[in-house]
Structure formats: structure tokens, C-alpha cells
Amino acid sequence: MSYYFTDGSASPNPGPGGYAVILDGAPVALGREKDSTNIRMEAQALIAAYKLAQPGDTIYTDSEFWVNVATRWAAGWQRNGWKKKTGAIKNLELVQELYELYCAHPDIKLEWTRGHVGTDGNEAADEWANKAREGATLEGGA
């Protein structure tokens, strides 16, 4: 059983973005987009974590928004033809990919954790998401 921590960053928002997935205090996935938002990067981190996680693992995120998307809202949006009452769904491709992974892996727990309160995994994910935004890679290059 493993515990993954994820985070995303964009600065300015919108602007250059990065995300990180942390396992045992170290990054196992990093990514970057030249022009992005915090919301997009949070989703990218969760998608990357789902692709790494195994049955029985837990994925932690400080994005209450994305936990709600996967666990509460996406099912209704899907039933309504990927539309919501107030209009188009932003970042629909990420919503659909995350929801597909969430549904395909009911044996992987998705949990919200409060951000920036000293939780080691969350703090490491934040640090590495910022480094990824600035160009860091798992290979140590920029």
C-alpha cells in the first residue's frame, strides 16, 4: 500500500504551470505546460498519479475541487452529455480523463488533504510542482 501526494502550480495564474506526484518523499512524476492554470496542473498531477498507483494505494490532493469533480460532479455531467446547467465544462478533456481513471480504479482511494499545514507529502508535492513549473525534470535537467 502506497501513498501518493499530488500538487499543481501556475505562476502567474494563468501562466507557466507545473505538477508533481510524490511517493515516499520523492517525485515520481513531474510535468510542465508553458501556458496553464493551477486547476489544469492539479488535474494533470492526479491523472499522472492514477497511472502510477496500484490497487490499495491512496492518492492525496489538496484540490477539493478535483476530488468533487471525480467523486460527485462528473457522473451527472456525463449523464447530461458532458454539459452542466450553467454552460460548458472547463478543461473537459481533463475532467473526462480523470473521471475515466477514477471509475476504472475503485480500488484506489482518492482523498483530500488540507494544503500548506505541514503535511510532509503535500509540502513536497507543492515544492516539486513549483520546481517543475520552473523546468525541473525527474532526470534533474531543466
C-alpha atoms as a PDB file:
ATOM      1  CA  MET A   1       0.000   0.000   0.000  1.00  0.00           C
ATOM      2  CA  SER A   2       1.483   3.301  -1.131  1.00  0.00           C
ATOM      3  CA  TYR A   3       0.542   6.924  -0.523  1.00  0.00           C
ATOM      4  CA  TYR A   4       0.874   9.402  -3.372  1.00  0.00           C
ATOM      5  CA  PHE A   5       0.696  13.168  -2.899  1.00  0.00           C
ATOM      6  CA  THR A   6      -0.077  15.462  -5.814  1.00  0.00           C
ATOM      7  CA  ASP A   7       0.004  19.185  -6.461  1.00  0.00           C
ATOM      8  CA  GLY A   8      -0.121  21.661  -9.302  1.00  0.00           C
ATOM      9  CA  SER A   9       1.143  25.184  -9.706  1.00  0.00           C
ATOM     10  CA  ALA A  10       0.896  28.089 -12.136  1.00  0.00           C
ATOM     11  CA  SER A  11       2.558  31.441 -11.628  1.00  0.00           C
ATOM     12  CA  PRO A  12       1.212  33.804 -12.614  1.00  0.00           C
ATOM     13  CA  ASN A  13      -2.180  32.119 -12.862  1.00  0.00           C
ATOM     14  CA  PRO A  14      -2.678  31.676 -15.798  1.00  0.00           C
ATOM     15  CA  GLY A  15       0.921  31.292 -16.853  1.00  0.00           C
ATOM     16  CA  PRO A  16       3.649  28.673 -16.824  1.00  0.00           C
ATOM     17  CA  GLY A  17       2.476  25.614 -14.897  1.00  0.00           C
ATOM     18  CA  GLY A  18       3.926  22.526 -13.296  1.00  0.00           C
ATOM     19  CA  TYR A  19       2.749  19.487 -11.408  1.00  0.00           C
ATOM     20  CA  ALA A  20       4.276  16.819  -9.208  1.00  0.00           C
ATOM     21  CA  VAL A  21       3.450  13.382  -7.868  1.00  0.00           C
ATOM     22  CA  ILE A  22       5.332  12.389  -4.715  1.00  0.00           C
ATOM     23  CA  LEU A  23       5.868   8.865  -3.359  1.00  0.00           C
ATOM     24  CA  ASP A  24       7.899   8.270  -0.198  1.00  0.00           C
ATOM     25  CA  GLY A  25       9.038  11.899  -0.169  1.00  0.00           C
ATOM     26  CA  ALA A  26      10.447  11.868  -3.698  1.00  0.00           C
ATOM     27  CA  PRO A  27       8.992  12.924  -7.043  1.00  0.00           C
ATOM     28  CA  VAL A  28       7.867  10.068  -9.291  1.00  0.00           C
ATOM     29  CA  ALA A  29       6.170  12.234 -11.931  1.00  0.00           C
ATOM     30  CA  LEU A  30       6.703  15.831 -12.943  1.00  0.00           C
ATOM     31  CA  GLY A  31       5.171  17.793 -15.774  1.00  0.00           C
ATOM     32  CA  ARG A  32       5.030  21.263 -17.200  1.00  0.00           C
ATOM     33  CA  GLU A  33       2.879  23.358 -19.528  1.00  0.00           C
ATOM     34  CA  LYS A  34       4.083  26.644 -20.964  1.00  0.00           C
ATOM     35  CA  ASP A  35       0.659  28.297 -20.608  1.00  0.00           C
ATOM     36  CA  SER A  36      -1.610  26.779 -17.973  1.00  0.00           C
ATOM     37  CA  THR A  37      -3.577  27.307 -14.753  1.00  0.00           C
ATOM     38  CA  ASN A  38      -3.413  25.931 -11.221  1.00  0.00           C
ATOM     39  CA  ILE A  39      -6.606  23.966 -11.897  1.00  0.00           C
ATOM     40  CA  ARG A  40      -5.186  22.291 -15.020  1.00  0.00           C
ATOM     41  CA  MET A  41      -1.958  21.386 -13.245  1.00  0.00           C
ATOM     42  CA  GLU A  42      -3.809  19.892 -10.254  1.00  0.00           C
ATOM     43  CA  ALA A  43      -5.723  17.651 -12.672  1.00  0.00           C
ATOM     44  CA  GLN A  44      -2.583  16.640 -14.552  1.00  0.00           C
ATOM     45  CA  ALA A  45      -0.982  15.601 -11.257  1.00  0.00           C
ATOM     46  CA  LEU A  46      -3.973  13.440 -10.319  1.00  0.00           C
ATOM     47  CA  ILE A  47      -4.061  11.803 -13.752  1.00  0.00           C
ATOM     48  CA  ALA A  48      -0.343  11.024 -13.505  1.00  0.00           C
ATOM     49  CA  ALA A  49      -0.815   9.558 -10.012  1.00  0.00           C
ATOM     50  CA  TYR A  50      -3.669   7.312 -11.162  1.00  0.00           C
ATOM     51  CA  LYS A  51      -1.425   5.982 -13.932  1.00  0.00           C
ATOM     52  CA  LEU A  52       1.198   5.017 -11.322  1.00  0.00           C
ATOM     53  CA  ALA A  53      -0.969   3.809  -8.432  1.00  0.00           C
ATOM     54  CA  GLN A  54      -1.859   0.187  -7.738  1.00  0.00           C
ATOM     55  CA  PRO A  55      -4.871  -1.407  -6.021  1.00  0.00           C
ATOM     56  CA  GLY A  56      -4.918  -0.466  -2.342  1.00  0.00           C
ATOM     57  CA  ASP A  57      -2.966   2.758  -2.841  1.00  0.00           C
ATOM     58  CA  THR A  58      -4.204   6.188  -1.785  1.00  0.00           C
ATOM     59  CA  ILE A  59      -3.820   9.426  -3.746  1.00  0.00           C
ATOM     60  CA  TYR A  60      -3.887  12.662  -1.758  1.00  0.00           C
ATOM     61  CA  THR A  61      -4.572  16.087  -3.222  1.00  0.00           C
ATOM     62  CA  ASP A  62      -5.184  19.477  -1.684  1.00  0.00           C
ATOM     63  CA  SER A  63      -7.595  20.270  -4.518  1.00  0.00           C
ATOM     64  CA  GLU A  64     -11.066  19.883  -3.075  1.00  0.00           C
ATOM     65  CA  PHE A  65     -12.366  20.949  -6.485  1.00  0.00           C
ATOM     66  CA  TRP A  66     -10.893  17.926  -8.289  1.00  0.00           C
ATOM     67  CA  VAL A  67     -11.989  15.498  -5.574  1.00  0.00           C
ATOM     68  CA  ASN A  68     -15.529  16.817  -6.054  1.00  0.00           C
ATOM     69  CA  VAL A  69     -15.235  16.554  -9.845  1.00  0.00           C
ATOM     70  CA  ALA A  70     -14.235  12.890  -9.678  1.00  0.00           C
ATOM     71  CA  THR A  71     -16.429  11.753  -6.800  1.00  0.00           C
ATOM     72  CA  ARG A  72     -19.565  13.887  -7.155  1.00  0.00           C
ATOM     73  CA  TRP A  73     -19.999  16.028 -10.259  1.00  0.00           C
ATOM     74  CA  ALA A  74     -18.595  14.163 -13.279  1.00  0.00           C
ATOM     75  CA  ALA A  75     -21.183  11.367 -13.153  1.00  0.00           C
ATOM     76  CA  GLY A  76     -24.006  13.873 -13.621  1.00  0.00           C
ATOM     77  CA  TRP A  77     -22.137  15.796 -16.286  1.00  0.00           C
ATOM     78  CA  GLN A  78     -21.587  12.538 -18.165  1.00  0.00           C
ATOM     79  CA  ARG A  79     -25.304  11.667 -17.926  1.00  0.00           C
ATOM     80  CA  ASN A  80     -26.090  15.113 -19.352  1.00  0.00           C
ATOM     81  CA  GLY A  81     -23.818  14.688 -22.358  1.00  0.00           C
ATOM     82  CA  TRP A  82     -20.834  16.339 -20.682  1.00  0.00           C
ATOM     83  CA  LYS A  83     -22.704  19.563 -20.060  1.00  0.00           C
ATOM     84  CA  LYS A  84     -23.656  21.359 -16.886  1.00  0.00           C
ATOM     85  CA  LYS A  85     -26.635  23.599 -16.290  1.00  0.00           C
ATOM     86  CA  THR A  86     -24.524  26.753 -16.264  1.00  0.00           C
ATOM     87  CA  GLY A  87     -22.793  26.021 -19.580  1.00  0.00           C
ATOM     88  CA  ALA A  88     -19.661  24.405 -20.880  1.00  0.00           C
ATOM     89  CA  ILE A  89     -17.337  22.424 -18.638  1.00  0.00           C
ATOM     90  CA  LYS A  90     -13.899  23.988 -18.487  1.00  0.00           C
ATOM     91  CA  ASN A  91     -10.961  21.633 -19.043  1.00  0.00           C
ATOM     92  CA  LEU A  92     -13.387  18.967 -20.260  1.00  0.00           C
ATOM     93  CA  GLU A  93     -10.628  16.707 -21.606  1.00  0.00           C
ATOM     94  CA  LEU A  94      -9.026  16.594 -18.151  1.00  0.00           C
ATOM     95  CA  VAL A  95     -12.373  16.049 -16.425  1.00  0.00           C
ATOM     96  CA  GLN A  96     -13.124  13.117 -18.719  1.00  0.00           C
ATOM     97  CA  GLU A  97      -9.675  11.538 -18.378  1.00  0.00           C
ATOM     98  CA  LEU A  98      -9.637  11.839 -14.590  1.00  0.00           C
ATOM     99  CA  TYR A  99     -13.182  10.500 -14.256  1.00  0.00           C
ATOM    100  CA  GLU A 100     -12.378   7.549 -16.513  1.00  0.00           C
ATOM    101  CA  LEU A 101      -9.351   6.683 -14.363  1.00  0.00           C
ATOM    102  CA  TYR A 102     -11.317   7.183 -11.141  1.00  0.00           C
ATOM    103  CA  CYS A 103     -14.092   4.854 -12.336  1.00  0.00           C
ATOM    104  CA  ALA A 104     -11.657   2.265 -13.698  1.00  0.00           C
ATOM    105  CA  HIS A 105      -9.834   2.042 -10.352  1.00  0.00           C
ATOM    106  CA  PRO A 106     -12.354   1.826  -7.494  1.00  0.00           C
ATOM    107  CA  ASP A 107      -9.622   0.062  -5.510  1.00  0.00           C
ATOM    108  CA  ILE A 108      -7.508   3.256  -5.405  1.00  0.00           C
ATOM    109  CA  LYS A 109      -8.612   5.799  -2.793  1.00  0.00           C
ATOM    110  CA  LEU A 110      -8.774   9.480  -3.669  1.00  0.00           C
ATOM    111  CA  GLU A 111      -8.501  11.684  -0.579  1.00  0.00           C
ATOM    112  CA  TRP A 112      -8.475  15.414   0.041  1.00  0.00           C
ATOM    113  CA  THR A 113      -5.860  16.780   2.418  1.00  0.00           C
ATOM    114  CA  ARG A 114      -5.614  20.323   3.681  1.00  0.00           C
ATOM    115  CA  GLY A 115      -2.783  22.109   1.904  1.00  0.00           C
ATOM    116  CA  HIS A 116       0.081  24.036   3.428  1.00  0.00           C
ATOM    117  CA  VAL A 117      -0.358  22.815   7.006  1.00  0.00           C
ATOM    118  CA  GLY A 118       2.931  20.944   7.283  1.00  0.00           C
ATOM    119  CA  THR A 119       1.945  17.524   5.895  1.00  0.00           C
ATOM    120  CA  ASP A 120       5.257  16.236   4.529  1.00  0.00           C
ATOM    121  CA  GLY A 121       3.903  14.699   1.328  1.00  0.00           C
ATOM    122  CA  ASN A 122       1.779  17.719   0.498  1.00  0.00           C
ATOM    123  CA  GLU A 123       4.637  20.124   1.160  1.00  0.00           C
ATOM    124  CA  ALA A 124       6.963  18.060  -1.052  1.00  0.00           C
ATOM    125  CA  ALA A 125       4.350  17.979  -3.830  1.00  0.00           C
ATOM    126  CA  ASP A 126       3.999  21.773  -3.642  1.00  0.00           C
ATOM    127  CA  GLU A 127       7.768  22.271  -3.725  1.00  0.00           C
ATOM    128  CA  TRP A 128       8.233  19.936  -6.693  1.00  0.00           C
ATOM    129  CA  ALA A 129       5.257  21.344  -8.625  1.00  0.00           C
ATOM    130  CA  ASN A 130       6.940  24.751  -8.410  1.00  0.00           C
ATOM    131  CA  LYS A 131      10.275  23.248  -9.481  1.00  0.00           C
ATOM    132  CA  ALA A 132       8.557  21.517 -12.420  1.00  0.00           C
ATOM    133  CA  ARG A 133       6.950  24.823 -13.411  1.00  0.00           C
ATOM    134  CA  GLU A 134      10.449  26.307 -13.482  1.00  0.00           C
ATOM    135  CA  GLY A 135      11.713  23.457 -15.693  1.00  0.00           C
ATOM    136  CA  ALA A 136      12.889  20.702 -13.341  1.00  0.00           C
ATOM    137  CA  THR A 137      12.569  17.148 -14.619  1.00  0.00           C
ATOM    138  CA  LEU A 138      12.989  13.743 -12.998  1.00  0.00           C
ATOM    139  CA  GLU A 139      16.314  13.455 -14.781  1.00  0.00           C
ATOM    140  CA  GLY A 140      17.483  16.591 -12.946  1.00  0.00           C
ATOM    141  CA  GLY A 141      17.538  18.794 -16.024  1.00  0.00           C
ATOM    142  CA  ALA A 142      15.556  21.841 -16.932  1.00  0.00           C
END
